[in-house]
Amino acid sequence: MRNRPFLLTMAVSGLALAACNPQSDQTPAAPATGAPIASLPLAEGAPPPLIAAPALSALPSAAPVKTVPPPPRERYRYIDRAYRLGEDFADSPPDYTVDYEGVRPWIWRSSRGDYRMIEPTPDGERIYYFEAGSDEPYLVRDPRYAYGYDQGGLAVIYGADGRALGYEGDAADRAARYLARARALYRAAVHQQRQAAYAEAWRQRRTQVLDEQRAWASDQQRDAGWRDWQAAQPQAPSPDRSRERAMRQAYAARTETVINSGGGGGERRAPSPQAQPFVAPGVPGPNPAFQGRRQVQQQAAAQQQAQAAQQAQAQQQQQAQNQHAAERAAREQAQAAQQPQGGGGGGGGGHGHQGQAHQDKGQDQGKGAGPGKDKKDKPNQG
């Protein structure tokens, strides 16, 4: 395939773009190039059925990666770089997708050459971050953990809340599986035929993607180590990052009509309440009006704790009632054992009355049957 400098014009944007660097004619399959605003126009109509990528446990096994712990003050370097790239992409739709083994990951490429790729899994979105010019990720994020990589090794593991964790038992194995998957996705994103992402698919899933980014914005406010790392970095974004974000925000605004109509050119849909404009960095703390993934998890955890407390209280009450009933039954049995048998002797209580009544009844029957008994007994006496 012959590559040459070219000028791409997006019909939706009406903006002319600068020419890209020329590629060598000997390159068999050139990487996807061009400014982000030159993304493929969103596809209209109903998207194909969503096919999930394999879960972590279903990915092929790989040789465990080595661990390369960074200096303590640099532990948050990897997650913070991924967070900043997400801010640069703002709420713009994917640039394109490719068909990789039936899965259609979403792909964003910055003007600097950084990549972000998102693929659906049975457990949720899995996100890969690549630095420009590298086919190895510096971070892979799943719903439970994020794995920071450095020169092909596992540098650090982060929890779902963004907090740096220690190495766990099978961490190297998990990191190795993700690293192999990331390399394969990168090759597909760079060399395979690009396809347009569907507007309707983005409309359905974009809230989840933006929720992940906003959750990190909230996490970093609570994590002292992450805050310290950010405080040591330049506070103002670089000019190329500022241009990237402005371009992305403008592109998102221009495609909003197509996205809200489902990509079919039909009646415009009302925007989802959760699909709020992306919050640029520098805003202290999360948006109070936003109820994202972390808030939902906290509410669910609080409900579970309340239910567990109620169940524990009910069990304690039931145990106390059972113990009280057992003690009462034991006392009644002890009292019954002390009562005289039959109706003799002034022993009061229910058993005495019943014995006396039985004795009186027998006497009455004996008196009434006296003559008959005498006649019946006479043959025996003879």
Protein backbone atom coordinates (compact mmCIF):
# COMPACT_ATOMS: atom_id res chain seq x y z
CA MET A 1 0.00 0.00 0.00
CA ARG A 2 1.49 3.34 -1.09
CA ASN A 3 1.47 6.10 1.50
CA ARG A 4 2.12 9.79 0.84
CA PRO A 5 1.42 13.06 2.60
CA PHE A 6 -2.25 13.80 2.44
CA LEU A 7 -4.82 16.30 3.57
CA LEU A 8 -7.98 14.96 5.20
CA THR A 9 -11.12 17.01 5.34
CA MET A 10 -13.96 15.96 7.64
CA ALA A 11 -17.39 16.75 6.25
CA VAL A 12 -18.86 16.94 9.74
CA SER A 13 -16.24 19.40 10.92
CA GLY A 14 -15.50 21.47 7.87
CA LEU A 15 -11.95 21.86 9.19
CA ALA A 16 -8.82 21.34 7.09
CA LEU A 17 -6.09 19.29 8.70
CA ALA A 18 -2.36 19.44 8.42
CA ALA A 19 -0.61 16.85 6.28
CA CYS A 20 0.84 13.78 7.98
CA ASN A 21 4.44 12.65 7.90
CA PRO A 22 5.29 10.62 4.79
CA GLN A 23 5.68 6.89 5.16
CA SER A 24 8.20 4.68 3.44
CA ASP A 25 7.06 2.81 0.35
CA GLN A 26 8.71 -0.33 1.72
CA THR A 27 6.43 -0.46 4.77
CA PRO A 28 4.02 -3.39 4.20
CA ALA A 29 1.25 -2.10 6.46
CA ALA A 30 1.53 1.45 7.71
CA PRO A 31 0.09 2.57 11.03
CA ALA A 32 -3.13 4.52 11.07
CA THR A 33 -2.19 8.18 10.90
CA GLY A 34 -3.96 11.49 10.75
CA ALA A 35 -5.27 13.93 13.25
CA PRO A 36 -8.01 12.76 15.63
CA ILE A 37 -10.58 14.97 13.98
CA ALA A 38 -10.06 12.88 10.82
CA SER A 39 -11.74 9.93 12.50
CA LEU A 40 -14.08 7.86 10.41
CA PRO A 41 -17.61 9.29 10.47
CA LEU A 42 -19.86 7.44 12.86
CA ALA A 43 -21.82 4.63 11.24
CA GLU A 44 -25.60 5.04 11.16
CA GLY A 45 -28.27 2.44 11.76
CA ALA A 46 -28.46 -0.44 14.19
CA PRO A 47 -25.05 -1.70 15.37
CA PRO A 48 -24.19 -5.39 15.09
CA PRO A 49 -24.71 -7.55 18.17
CA LEU A 50 -22.20 -6.83 20.90
CA ILE A 51 -19.59 -9.57 21.22
CA ALA A 52 -17.64 -9.56 24.46
CA ALA A 53 -13.93 -10.17 24.61
CA PRO A 54 -12.75 -13.12 26.70
CA ALA A 55 -12.68 -12.60 30.42
CA LEU A 56 -9.31 -12.59 32.15
CA SER A 57 -9.55 -16.26 33.12
CA ALA A 58 -10.35 -17.19 29.51
CA LEU A 59 -7.35 -15.40 27.99
CA PRO A 60 -4.47 -17.64 26.90
CA SER A 61 -1.86 -18.20 29.54
CA ALA A 62 1.49 -16.48 29.12
CA ALA A 63 4.84 -16.54 30.81
CA PRO A 64 4.59 -14.44 33.97
CA VAL A 65 6.09 -11.00 33.60
CA LYS A 66 8.86 -9.77 35.83
CA THR A 67 8.11 -7.19 38.50
CA VAL A 68 9.83 -3.82 38.21
CA PRO A 69 8.77 -1.80 41.27
CA PRO A 70 9.15 1.94 40.71
CA PRO A 71 10.41 4.33 43.38
CA PRO A 72 7.64 4.93 45.94
CA ARG A 73 7.12 8.52 44.84
CA GLU A 74 6.51 7.35 41.23
CA ARG A 75 3.91 4.68 41.91
CA TYR A 76 1.10 6.85 40.55
CA ARG A 77 2.91 7.82 37.37
CA TYR A 78 1.16 5.17 35.23
CA ILE A 79 -2.41 5.68 36.35
CA ASP A 80 -2.03 9.45 36.24
CA ARG A 81 -0.77 9.33 32.66
CA ALA A 82 -3.79 7.24 31.66
CA TYR A 83 -6.10 9.61 33.50
CA ARG A 84 -4.67 12.61 31.66
CA LEU A 85 -5.06 10.90 28.29
CA GLY A 86 -8.70 10.24 29.10
CA GLU A 87 -9.13 13.93 29.87
CA ASP A 88 -7.60 14.83 26.53
CA PHE A 89 -10.10 12.61 24.70
CA ALA A 90 -12.92 14.23 26.70
CA ASP A 91 -16.33 12.87 25.67
CA SER A 92 -15.58 12.41 21.98
CA PRO A 93 -16.76 9.20 20.33
CA PRO A 94 -14.25 6.56 19.18
CA ASP A 95 -12.13 7.35 16.18
CA TYR A 96 -12.71 3.92 14.66
CA THR A 97 -12.85 0.21 15.38
CA VAL A 98 -11.42 -2.99 13.91
CA ASP A 99 -12.63 -6.56 13.81
CA TYR A 100 -10.29 -8.54 16.04
CA GLU A 101 -11.40 -12.17 16.39
CA GLY A 102 -15.04 -11.08 16.25
CA VAL A 103 -14.61 -8.37 18.91
CA ARG A 104 -14.87 -4.72 17.85
CA PRO A 105 -12.76 -2.66 20.28
CA TRP A 106 -13.16 1.11 20.26
CA ILE A 107 -9.98 2.97 19.41
CA TRP A 108 -8.92 6.56 20.05
CA ARG A 109 -5.65 7.95 18.67
CA SER A 110 -4.28 11.29 19.80
CA SER A 111 -2.48 13.69 17.51
CA ARG A 112 0.72 12.75 19.36
CA GLY A 113 0.20 9.06 18.57
CA ASP A 114 -1.09 7.86 21.96
CA TYR A 115 -3.76 5.17 21.86
CA ARG A 116 -6.65 4.23 24.08
CA MET A 117 -8.59 1.05 23.32
CA ILE A 118 -11.73 -0.18 25.03
CA GLU A 119 -13.26 -3.62 24.61
CA PRO A 120 -16.34 -5.06 26.34
CA THR A 121 -15.94 -8.13 28.53
CA PRO A 122 -18.41 -10.21 30.57
CA ASP A 123 -17.21 -8.29 33.65
CA GLY A 124 -17.32 -4.79 32.16
CA GLU A 125 -15.12 -2.52 30.07
CA ARG A 126 -11.42 -3.31 29.73
CA ILE A 127 -9.25 -0.33 28.79
CA TYR A 128 -5.73 -0.26 27.34
CA TYR A 129 -3.43 2.78 27.24
CA PHE A 130 -0.40 3.10 24.95
CA GLU A 131 2.26 5.75 24.73
CA ALA A 132 3.07 7.08 21.27
CA GLY A 133 5.42 4.76 19.40
CA SER A 134 5.06 1.82 21.80
CA ASP A 135 3.20 -1.42 21.10
CA GLU A 136 3.21 -2.25 24.81
CA PRO A 137 0.69 -0.65 27.17
CA TYR A 138 1.68 1.37 30.17
CA LEU A 139 -1.68 0.63 31.81
CA VAL A 140 -4.47 -1.93 31.45
CA ARG A 141 -7.60 -1.38 33.48
CA ASP A 142 -10.40 -3.84 34.21
CA PRO A 143 -13.37 -3.41 36.59
CA ARG A 144 -11.34 -4.67 39.57
CA TYR A 145 -7.73 -3.63 39.06
CA ALA A 146 -5.38 -1.59 36.91
CA TYR A 147 -1.94 -2.85 35.96
CA GLY A 148 0.93 -0.44 35.36
CA TYR A 149 3.69 -1.65 33.01
CA ASP A 150 7.24 -0.47 32.50
CA GLN A 151 9.51 -1.92 29.80
CA GLY A 152 7.39 -5.05 29.56
CA GLY A 153 7.38 -5.68 33.29
CA LEU A 154 4.71 -5.23 35.96
CA ALA A 155 5.46 -2.01 37.82
CA VAL A 156 2.42 -1.50 40.05
CA ILE A 157 -1.14 -2.72 40.65
CA TYR A 158 -3.99 -0.35 41.51
CA GLY A 159 -7.28 -1.22 43.11
CA ALA A 160 -10.68 -0.28 41.73
CA ASP A 161 -10.43 2.96 43.72
CA GLY A 162 -7.09 3.87 42.13
CA ARG A 163 -5.02 3.11 45.24
CA ALA A 164 -1.60 1.52 44.70
CA LEU A 165 -1.49 -2.05 46.04
CA GLY A 166 1.18 -4.65 46.69
CA TYR A 167 1.86 -7.57 44.40
CA GLU A 168 -0.61 -10.40 44.94
CA GLY A 169 -0.09 -14.12 44.47
CA ASP A 170 -1.09 -14.44 40.80
CA ALA A 171 -0.58 -10.81 39.83
CA ALA A 172 2.26 -11.61 37.45
CA ASP A 173 0.14 -14.18 35.66
CA ARG A 174 -2.79 -11.80 35.26
CA ALA A 175 -0.50 -9.03 34.06
CA ALA A 176 1.09 -11.37 31.51
CA ARG A 177 -2.28 -12.34 30.01
CA TYR A 178 -3.29 -8.70 29.66
CA LEU A 179 0.08 -7.74 28.19
CA ALA A 180 -0.25 -10.36 25.44
CA ARG A 181 -3.81 -9.26 24.71
CA ALA A 182 -2.75 -5.61 24.56
CA ARG A 183 0.02 -6.29 22.07
CA ALA A 184 -2.36 -8.18 19.81
CA LEU A 185 -4.95 -5.40 19.98
CA TYR A 186 -2.32 -2.80 19.15
CA ARG A 187 -1.22 -4.70 16.03
CA ALA A 188 -4.84 -4.99 14.95
CA ALA A 189 -5.56 -1.31 15.61
CA VAL A 190 -2.52 -0.18 13.65
CA HIS A 191 -2.46 -2.59 10.73
CA GLN A 192 -5.97 -3.94 10.15
CA GLN A 193 -8.64 -2.24 8.10
CA ARG A 194 -10.34 0.47 10.07
CA GLN A 195 -14.12 0.47 10.40
CA ALA A 196 -16.48 3.16 11.59
CA ALA A 197 -17.85 2.93 15.12
CA TYR A 198 -21.63 2.99 15.42
CA ALA A 199 -23.29 6.10 16.81
CA GLU A 200 -25.99 4.07 18.55
CA ALA A 201 -23.44 1.81 20.24
CA TRP A 202 -21.58 4.84 21.55
CA ARG A 203 -24.81 6.40 22.78
CA GLN A 204 -25.63 3.24 24.72
CA ARG A 205 -22.20 2.77 26.34
CA ARG A 206 -20.61 6.19 26.55
CA THR A 207 -21.96 6.87 30.05
CA GLN A 208 -20.10 3.84 31.34
CA VAL A 209 -16.89 5.00 29.68
CA LEU A 210 -17.20 8.50 31.11
CA ASP A 211 -18.13 7.08 34.51
CA GLU A 212 -14.77 5.33 34.66
CA GLN A 213 -12.94 8.57 33.96
CA ARG A 214 -14.97 10.52 36.50
CA ALA A 215 -14.38 7.82 39.10
CA TRP A 216 -10.64 8.40 38.74
CA ALA A 217 -11.21 12.13 39.16
CA SER A 218 -12.88 11.36 42.48
CA ASP A 219 -10.28 8.76 43.51
CA GLN A 220 -7.33 11.07 43.11
CA GLN A 221 -8.93 13.60 45.45
CA ARG A 222 -9.03 10.98 48.22
CA ASP A 223 -5.60 9.43 47.63
CA ALA A 224 -2.73 11.37 49.20
CA GLY A 225 -0.10 9.54 47.15
CA TRP A 226 -1.84 10.36 43.89
CA ARG A 227 -2.32 13.98 44.93
CA ASP A 228 1.35 14.30 45.82
CA TRP A 229 2.36 12.96 42.42
CA GLN A 230 0.08 15.39 40.63
CA ALA A 231 1.32 18.30 42.71
CA ALA A 232 4.85 17.57 41.50
CA GLN A 233 3.78 17.71 37.83
CA PRO A 234 3.28 20.83 35.69
CA GLN A 235 -0.14 22.18 36.53
CA ALA A 236 -0.90 23.70 33.13
CA PRO A 237 -1.46 21.23 30.27
CA SER A 238 0.99 21.39 27.40
CA PRO A 239 -0.09 23.23 24.23
CA ASP A 240 -0.57 20.00 22.28
CA ARG A 241 -2.75 18.57 25.04
CA SER A 242 -4.83 21.74 25.12
CA ARG A 243 -5.31 21.58 21.34
CA GLU A 244 -6.23 17.90 21.56
CA ARG A 245 -8.88 18.51 24.17
CA ALA A 246 -10.36 21.51 22.39
CA MET A 247 -10.51 19.54 19.14
CA ARG A 248 -12.16 16.59 20.87
CA GLN A 249 -14.74 18.69 22.64
CA ALA A 250 -15.65 20.45 19.40
CA TYR A 251 -15.90 17.12 17.60
CA ALA A 252 -18.14 15.70 20.33
CA ALA A 253 -20.43 18.71 20.05
CA ARG A 254 -20.69 18.35 16.28
CA THR A 255 -21.57 14.66 16.47
CA GLU A 256 -24.08 15.01 19.31
CA THR A 257 -27.08 15.23 16.99
CA VAL A 258 -26.12 12.05 15.16
CA ILE A 259 -25.44 10.24 18.43
CA ASN A 260 -28.71 11.26 20.09
CA SER A 261 -30.69 10.26 17.02
CA GLY A 262 -29.19 6.81 17.24
CA GLY A 263 -27.25 7.35 14.03
CA GLY A 264 -30.30 6.70 11.93
CA GLY A 265 -31.22 10.24 11.04
CA GLY A 266 -34.57 9.80 12.74
CA GLU A 267 -36.18 11.68 15.57
CA ARG A 268 -33.71 13.19 18.00
CA ARG A 269 -33.47 11.42 21.33
CA ALA A 270 -33.37 13.29 24.58
CA PRO A 271 -29.85 13.13 26.01
CA SER A 272 -29.43 10.79 28.93
CA PRO A 273 -29.21 12.62 32.26
CA GLN A 274 -25.94 10.81 32.95
CA ALA A 275 -24.45 11.82 29.60
CA GLN A 276 -23.17 15.12 30.91
CA PRO A 277 -20.42 17.10 29.18
CA PHE A 278 -16.98 15.95 30.22
CA VAL A 279 -15.50 17.85 33.15
CA ALA A 280 -12.10 19.27 32.25
CA PRO A 281 -9.18 18.82 34.66
CA GLY A 282 -8.45 21.38 37.31
CA VAL A 283 -11.94 21.24 38.75
CA PRO A 284 -11.47 20.42 42.45
CA GLY A 285 -13.29 17.25 43.37
CA PRO A 286 -15.98 15.37 41.45
CA ASN A 287 -19.15 16.99 40.20
CA PRO A 288 -21.61 16.89 43.15
CA ALA A 289 -24.52 16.30 40.77
CA PHE A 290 -22.88 13.29 39.25
CA GLN A 291 -23.77 9.87 40.54
CA GLY A 292 -21.17 7.61 39.01
CA ARG A 293 -19.91 4.12 39.48
CA ARG A 294 -18.22 4.80 42.77
CA GLN A 295 -21.36 6.31 44.31
CA VAL A 296 -23.44 3.37 43.15
CA GLN A 297 -20.94 0.94 44.64
CA GLN A 298 -20.93 2.82 47.94
CA GLN A 299 -24.72 2.82 48.09
CA ALA A 300 -24.86 -0.89 47.32
CA ALA A 301 -22.25 -1.60 50.00
CA ALA A 302 -24.19 0.45 52.53
CA GLN A 303 -27.38 -1.43 51.71
CA GLN A 304 -25.60 -4.77 52.07
CA GLN A 305 -24.17 -3.74 55.42
CA ALA A 306 -27.60 -2.61 56.63
CA GLN A 307 -29.17 -5.88 55.52
CA ALA A 308 -26.40 -7.88 57.19
CA ALA A 309 -26.90 -5.93 60.42
CA GLN A 310 -30.64 -6.55 60.31
CA GLN A 311 -30.12 -10.26 59.70
CA ALA A 312 -27.62 -10.49 62.55
CA GLN A 313 -30.04 -8.71 64.90
CA ALA A 314 -32.89 -11.01 63.85
CA GLN A 315 -30.70 -14.06 64.45
CA GLN A 316 -29.74 -12.80 67.90
CA GLN A 317 -33.36 -12.21 68.78
CA GLN A 318 -34.32 -15.67 67.54
CA GLN A 319 -31.50 -17.27 69.53
CA ALA A 320 -32.60 -15.40 72.66
CA GLN A 321 -36.19 -16.55 72.16
CA ASN A 322 -35.07 -20.15 71.62
CA GLN A 323 -32.92 -20.06 74.74
CA HIS A 324 -35.77 -18.58 76.80
CA ALA A 325 -38.17 -21.25 75.54
CA ALA A 326 -35.67 -24.00 76.34
CA GLU A 327 -35.15 -22.68 79.87
CA ARG A 328 -38.92 -22.46 80.44
CA ALA A 329 -39.43 -26.00 79.19
CA ALA A 330 -36.67 -27.23 81.49
CA ARG A 331 -38.29 -25.54 84.49
CA GLU A 332 -41.68 -27.06 83.66
CA GLN A 333 -40.15 -30.52 83.34
CA ALA A 334 -38.40 -30.11 86.68
CA GLN A 335 -41.65 -29.02 88.35
CA ALA A 336 -43.54 -31.92 86.79
CA ALA A 337 -40.96 -34.39 88.10
CA GLN A 338 -41.50 -33.09 91.64
CA GLN A 339 -45.31 -33.54 91.51
CA PRO A 340 -46.75 -36.75 93.28
CA GLN A 341 -48.10 -39.35 90.91
CA GLY A 342 -51.88 -40.11 90.87
CA GLY A 343 -54.32 -38.25 93.15
CA GLY A 344 -52.93 -38.92 96.62
CA GLY A 345 -51.81 -36.66 99.30
CA GLY A 346 -52.75 -32.96 98.93
CA GLY A 347 -50.25 -32.44 96.20
CA GLY A 348 -52.16 -29.65 94.42
CA GLY A 349 -51.62 -28.85 90.79
CA GLY A 350 -53.11 -30.23 87.67
CA HIS A 351 -51.93 -33.81 88.15
CA GLY A 352 -53.49 -34.03 91.67
CA HIS A 353 -56.84 -32.84 90.47
CA GLN A 354 -56.78 -35.25 87.56
CA GLY A 355 -55.90 -38.18 89.86
CA GLN A 356 -58.63 -37.28 92.31
CA ALA A 357 -61.19 -37.01 89.53
CA HIS A 358 -60.13 -40.38 88.16
CA GLN A 359 -60.41 -41.96 91.61
CA ASP A 360 -63.86 -40.48 92.23
CA LYS A 361 -65.03 -41.70 88.86
CA GLY A 362 -63.84 -45.19 89.64
CA GLN A 363 -65.64 -45.23 92.92
CA ASP A 364 -68.85 -44.08 91.27
CA GLN A 365 -68.55 -46.82 88.65
CA GLY A 366 -67.90 -49.39 91.36
CA LYS A 367 -71.00 -48.42 93.23
CA GLY A 368 -73.18 -48.45 90.14
CA ALA A 369 -71.95 -51.84 88.96
CA GLY A 370 -72.04 -53.62 92.32
CA PRO A 371 -75.04 -55.95 91.77
CA GLY A 372 -73.99 -56.93 88.31
CA LYS A 373 -70.50 -57.66 89.46
CA ASP A 374 -71.75 -59.95 92.24
CA LYS A 375 -73.77 -62.01 89.78
CA LYS A 376 -70.87 -62.25 87.36
CA ASP A 377 -68.45 -63.34 90.04
CA LYS A 378 -70.64 -66.08 91.53
CA PRO A 379 -69.70 -68.82 89.00
CA ASN A 380 -66.02 -68.17 89.76
CA GLN A 381 -66.63 -68.52 93.45
CA GLY A 382 -68.32 -71.85 92.92
